[in-house]
C-alpha atoms as a PDB file:
ATOM      1  CA  MET A   1      94.902  71.334  77.363  1.00  0.00           C
ATOM      2  CA  LYS A   2      97.796  73.020  79.161  1.00  0.00           C
ATOM      3  CA  ILE A   3     100.006  70.852  81.334  1.00  0.00           C
ATOM      4  CA  VAL A   4     102.284  72.042  84.146  1.00  0.00           C
ATOM      5  CA  THR A   5     105.461  69.984  84.163  1.00  0.00           C
ATOM      6  CA  THR A   6     108.483  69.870  86.412  1.00  0.00           C
ATOM      7  CA  ASP A   7     110.523  71.102  83.422  1.00  0.00           C
ATOM      8  CA  LEU A   8     108.289  74.169  83.160  1.00  0.00           C
ATOM      9  CA  LEU A   9     108.724  74.874  86.888  1.00  0.00           C
ATOM     10  CA  ARG A  10     112.513  74.538  86.531  1.00  0.00           C
ATOM     11  CA  GLN A  11     112.563  76.838  83.465  1.00  0.00           C
ATOM     12  CA  LEU A  12     110.477  79.482  85.249  1.00  0.00           C
ATOM     13  CA  SER A  13     112.768  79.359  88.277  1.00  0.00           C
ATOM     14  CA  GLU A  14     115.821  79.772  86.030  1.00  0.00           C
ATOM     15  CA  GLN A  15     114.170  82.776  84.388  1.00  0.00           C
ATOM     16  CA  ALA A  16     113.286  84.252  87.792  1.00  0.00           C
ATOM     17  CA  CYS A  17     116.943  84.023  88.832  1.00  0.00           C
ATOM     18  CA  THR A  18     117.960  86.262  85.918  1.00  0.00           C
ATOM     19  CA  SER A  19     115.045  88.691  86.188  1.00  0.00           C
ATOM     20  CA  PRO A  20     115.708  92.077  87.854  1.00  0.00           C
ATOM     21  CA  ARG A  21     112.734  91.465  90.272  1.00  0.00           C
ATOM     22  CA  LEU A  22     113.827  87.847  90.874  1.00  0.00           C
ATOM     23  CA  ARG A  23     110.451  86.509  89.850  1.00  0.00           C
ATOM     24  CA  LYS A  24     108.770  85.321  86.713  1.00  0.00           C
ATOM     25  CA  ASN A  25     105.152  84.500  85.964  1.00  0.00           C
ATOM     26  CA  HIS A  26     103.693  82.222  83.334  1.00  0.00           C
ATOM     27  CA  ASN A  27     100.111  82.937  82.387  1.00  0.00           C
ATOM     28  CA  ILE A  28      97.836  79.998  81.808  1.00  0.00           C
ATOM     29  CA  HIS A  29      94.807  82.185  81.092  1.00  0.00           C
ATOM     30  CA  ARG A  30      94.421  83.488  77.533  1.00  0.00           C
ATOM     31  CA  CYS A  31      94.802  87.250  78.018  1.00  0.00           C
ATOM     32  CA  ASP A  32      94.708  90.125  80.569  1.00  0.00           C
ATOM     33  CA  GLU A  33      90.975  90.561  79.876  1.00  0.00           C
ATOM     34  CA  SER A  34      90.163  86.951  80.862  1.00  0.00           C
ATOM     35  CA  ARG A  35      87.605  86.698  83.688  1.00  0.00           C
ATOM     36  CA  CYS A  36      89.565  84.003  85.461  1.00  0.00           C
ATOM     37  CA  HIS A  37      93.305  84.409  85.849  1.00  0.00           C
ATOM     38  CA  ARG A  38      95.439  81.319  86.415  1.00  0.00           C
ATOM     39  CA  LEU A  39      99.199  81.612  86.443  1.00  0.00           C
ATOM     40  CA  LEU A  40     102.439  80.219  87.792  1.00  0.00           C
ATOM     41  CA  ASN A  41     104.683  82.500  89.801  1.00  0.00           C
ATOM     42  CA  ALA A  42     108.378  81.606  90.282  1.00  0.00           C
ATOM     43  CA  VAL A  43     109.744  83.729  93.125  1.00  0.00           C
ATOM     44  CA  GLU A  44     113.277  83.698  94.519  1.00  0.00           C
ATOM     45  CA  PRO A  45     114.061  84.455  98.185  1.00  0.00           C
ATOM     46  CA  ALA A  46     115.374  88.004  97.572  1.00  0.00           C
ATOM     47  CA  SER A  47     112.253  89.039  95.665  1.00  0.00           C
ATOM     48  CA  TYR A  48     110.098  91.571  97.529  1.00  0.00           C
ATOM     49  CA  ILE A  49     106.381  91.694  96.854  1.00  0.00           C
ATOM     50  CA  ARG A  50     104.876  94.799  98.424  1.00  0.00           C
ATOM     51  CA  PRO A  51     101.901  94.042 100.648  1.00  0.00           C
ATOM     52  CA  HIS A  52      98.702  94.829  98.830  1.00  0.00           C
ATOM     53  CA  ARG A  53      94.998  94.007  98.694  1.00  0.00           C
ATOM     54  CA  HIS A  54      92.422  93.585  95.969  1.00  0.00           C
ATOM     55  CA  LEU A  55      89.375  95.758  96.610  1.00  0.00           C
ATOM     56  CA  ASP A  56      87.189  94.139  93.958  1.00  0.00           C
ATOM     57  CA  PRO A  57      84.913  91.806  96.008  1.00  0.00           C
ATOM     58  CA  GLU A  58      85.348  89.141  93.322  1.00  0.00           C
ATOM     59  CA  LYS A  59      89.177  89.094  93.627  1.00  0.00           C
ATOM     60  CA  ASP A  60      89.748  86.493  96.319  1.00  0.00           C
ATOM     61  CA  GLU A  61      93.201  85.085  95.570  1.00  0.00           C
ATOM     62  CA  ALA A  62      94.353  81.461  95.855  1.00  0.00           C
ATOM     63  CA  PHE A  63      97.992  80.329  96.107  1.00  0.00           C
ATOM     64  CA  ILE A  64      98.849  76.672  95.624  1.00  0.00           C
ATOM     65  CA  LEU A  65     102.429  75.616  96.301  1.00  0.00           C
ATOM     66  CA  MET A  66     104.035  73.773  93.404  1.00  0.00           C
ATOM     67  CA  ASN A  67     107.682  73.769  94.530  1.00  0.00           C
ATOM     68  CA  GLY A  68     109.807  75.126  97.402  1.00  0.00           C
ATOM     69  CA  LYS A  69     108.536  76.998 100.465  1.00  0.00           C
ATOM     70  CA  LEU A  70     106.321  80.105 100.544  1.00  0.00           C
ATOM     71  CA  GLY A  71     105.414  82.260 103.494  1.00  0.00           C
ATOM     72  CA  ILE A  72     102.034  84.010 103.293  1.00  0.00           C
ATOM     73  CA  VAL A  73     101.443  87.025 105.540  1.00  0.00           C
ATOM     74  CA  THR A  74      98.161  88.868 106.011  1.00  0.00           C
ATOM     75  CA  PHE A  75      97.957  92.257 107.706  1.00  0.00           C
ATOM     76  CA  ALA A  76      95.521  94.468 109.545  1.00  0.00           C
ATOM     77  CA  ASP A  77      94.767  97.806 107.911  1.00  0.00           C
ATOM     78  CA  ASP A  78      97.429  99.496 110.045  1.00  0.00           C
ATOM     79  CA  GLY A  79     100.180  97.072 108.947  1.00  0.00           C
ATOM     80  CA  ALA A  80     100.236  94.845 111.990  1.00  0.00           C
ATOM     81  CA  VAL A  81     100.725  91.174 111.095  1.00  0.00           C
ATOM     82  CA  ALA A  82      97.370  89.428 111.326  1.00  0.00           C
ATOM     83  CA  GLU A  83      98.293  85.881 110.287  1.00  0.00           C
ATOM     84  CA  THR A  84     101.128  83.845 108.796  1.00  0.00           C
ATOM     85  CA  VAL A  85     101.191  80.458 107.142  1.00  0.00           C
ATOM     86  CA  LEU A  86     104.086  78.506 105.753  1.00  0.00           C
ATOM     87  CA  LEU A  87     103.206  76.657 102.570  1.00  0.00           C
ATOM     88  CA  SER A  88     105.516  73.655 102.547  1.00  0.00           C
ATOM     89  CA  ARG A  89     105.151  69.961 101.723  1.00  0.00           C
ATOM     90  CA  GLU A  90     106.951  69.170 105.001  1.00  0.00           C
ATOM     91  CA  GLN A  91     104.486  71.216 107.032  1.00  0.00           C
ATOM     92  CA  GLY A  92     101.516  69.789 105.110  1.00  0.00           C
ATOM     93  CA  HIS A  93     100.126  73.227 104.156  1.00  0.00           C
ATOM     94  CA  LEU A  94      99.878  73.415 100.386  1.00  0.00           C
ATOM     95  CA  ALA A  95      97.457  76.218  99.603  1.00  0.00           C
ATOM     96  CA  ALA A  96      96.033  79.445 100.984  1.00  0.00           C
ATOM     97  CA  ASP A  97      92.976  81.415  99.939  1.00  0.00           C
ATOM     98  CA  ILE A  98      93.084  85.150 100.685  1.00  0.00           C
ATOM     99  CA  PRO A  99      89.755  87.011 100.794  1.00  0.00           C
ATOM    100  CA  SER A 100      89.450  90.202  98.763  1.00  0.00           C
ATOM    101  CA  GLY A 101      90.157  93.365 100.760  1.00  0.00           C
ATOM    102  CA  THR A 102      92.807  91.634 102.883  1.00  0.00           C
ATOM    103  CA  TYR A 103      96.331  93.072 102.819  1.00  0.00           C
ATOM    104  CA  HIS A 104      98.767  90.266 102.047  1.00  0.00           C
ATOM    105  CA  THR A 105     102.154  89.321 100.636  1.00  0.00           C
ATOM    106  CA  ALA A 106     104.079  86.203  99.706  1.00  0.00           C
ATOM    107  CA  VAL A 107     107.672  85.559 100.740  1.00  0.00           C
ATOM    108  CA  SER A 108     109.840  82.978  98.998  1.00  0.00           C
ATOM    109  CA  LEU A 109     111.760  81.006 101.563  1.00  0.00           C
ATOM    110  CA  GLU A 110     113.716  78.686  99.311  1.00  0.00           C
ATOM    111  CA  PRO A 111     115.296  78.937  95.851  1.00  0.00           C
ATOM    112  CA  GLY A 112     113.125  77.464  93.152  1.00  0.00           C
ATOM    113  CA  THR A 113     109.823  78.362  94.876  1.00  0.00           C
ATOM    114  CA  VAL A 114     106.873  78.328  92.464  1.00  0.00           C
ATOM    115  CA  PHE A 115     103.182  78.725  93.218  1.00  0.00           C
ATOM    116  CA  TYR A 116      99.992  78.536  91.183  1.00  0.00           C
ATOM    117  CA  GLU A 117      97.820  81.593  91.551  1.00  0.00           C
ATOM    118  CA  ALA A 118      94.135  81.971  90.695  1.00  0.00           C
ATOM    119  CA  LYS A 119      91.959  85.062  90.954  1.00  0.00           C
ATOM    120  CA  ALA A 120      89.281  86.898  89.036  1.00  0.00           C
ATOM    121  CA  GLY A 121      90.223  88.973  86.026  1.00  0.00           C
ATOM    122  CA  PRO A 122      90.565  91.158  84.171  1.00  0.00           C
ATOM    123  CA  TYR A 123      94.044  92.339  85.021  1.00  0.00           C
ATOM    124  CA  LEU A 124      94.163  95.889  86.337  1.00  0.00           C
ATOM    125  CA  PRO A 125      97.243  97.524  87.896  1.00  0.00           C
ATOM    126  CA  LEU A 126      96.921  98.025  91.646  1.00  0.00           C
ATOM    127  CA  GLY A 127      95.371 101.327  92.585  1.00  0.00           C
ATOM    128  CA  ASP A 128      96.832 103.533  95.335  1.00  0.00           C
ATOM    129  CA  ALA A 129      94.147 102.338  97.792  1.00  0.00           C
ATOM    130  CA  GLU A 130      95.244  98.724  97.178  1.00  0.00           C
ATOM    131  CA  LYS A 131      98.972  99.284  97.886  1.00  0.00           C
ATOM    132  CA  ALA A 132      99.910  99.190 101.572  1.00  0.00           C
ATOM    133  CA  ALA A 133     100.951 102.768 102.358  1.00  0.00           C
ATOM    134  CA  TRP A 134     102.770 101.498 105.500  1.00  0.00           C
ATOM    135  CA  ALA A 135     105.119  99.236 103.472  1.00  0.00           C
ATOM    136  CA  PRO A 136     107.905 100.378 101.154  1.00  0.00           C
ATOM    137  CA  GLY A 137     107.413 100.103  97.406  1.00  0.00           C
ATOM    138  CA  ASP A 138     109.424  97.581  95.410  1.00  0.00           C
ATOM    139  CA  ASP A 139     112.290  99.971  94.590  1.00  0.00           C
ATOM    140  CA  GLU A 140     112.115 102.230  97.661  1.00  0.00           C
ATOM    141  CA  PRO A 141     114.714 102.440 100.419  1.00  0.00           C
ATOM    142  CA  GLY A 142     113.830 100.052 103.197  1.00  0.00           C
ATOM    143  CA  ALA A 143     112.310  97.364 100.948  1.00  0.00           C
ATOM    144  CA  THR A 144     115.218  94.927 101.560  1.00  0.00           C
ATOM    145  CA  ALA A 145     115.076  95.464 105.328  1.00  0.00           C
ATOM    146  CA  TYR A 146     111.282  95.060 105.351  1.00  0.00           C
ATOM    147  CA  LEU A 147     111.555  91.816 103.363  1.00  0.00           C
ATOM    148  CA  GLU A 148     114.069  90.531 105.908  1.00  0.00           C
ATOM    149  CA  ARG A 149     111.611  91.270 108.755  1.00  0.00           C
ATOM    150  CA  LEU A 150     108.952  89.344 106.845  1.00  0.00           C
ATOM    151  CA  ARG A 151     111.325  86.407 106.336  1.00  0.00           C
ATOM    152  CA  GLU A 152     112.069  86.392 110.079  1.00  0.00           C
ATOM    153  CA  LEU A 153     108.398  85.621 110.724  1.00  0.00           C
ATOM    154  CA  PHE A 154     109.095  82.110 109.346  1.00  0.00           C
ATOM    155  CA  GLN A 155     112.370  81.316 111.094  1.00  0.00           C
ATOM    156  CA  GLY A 156     112.529  79.051 114.070  1.00  0.00           C
END
């Protein structure tokens, strides 16, 4: 049995703080070829996750908040914001399930944010049709400004 502890969440957050991408995952599933992927994601506020979708009809994706605050954004195919939800204990929203084919991203809104993610495996890198062409890539100019616009969706 694998147990998720507060110490593990703290350790992952510490590792995320020193990672170049400001995030760190911890796989609970056995290997990339596993049919069911379960993992913890520690994501710091300055970490940008490019909007993307999973075209495999079996790759719905579930996010369950473990610590901190996480903004979830879904988009129309043209990049317009379709829906936002703030995962936060204070708000009472603790999980979100994103259907396959839906463009989405997650935005850390507080240091120490960690979420549990579950989706179908096996792991395959995102294909070009799964990456949002209307959003900058992780290391492209404009990524920081785009992340700030996403964060603003949750202010106020």
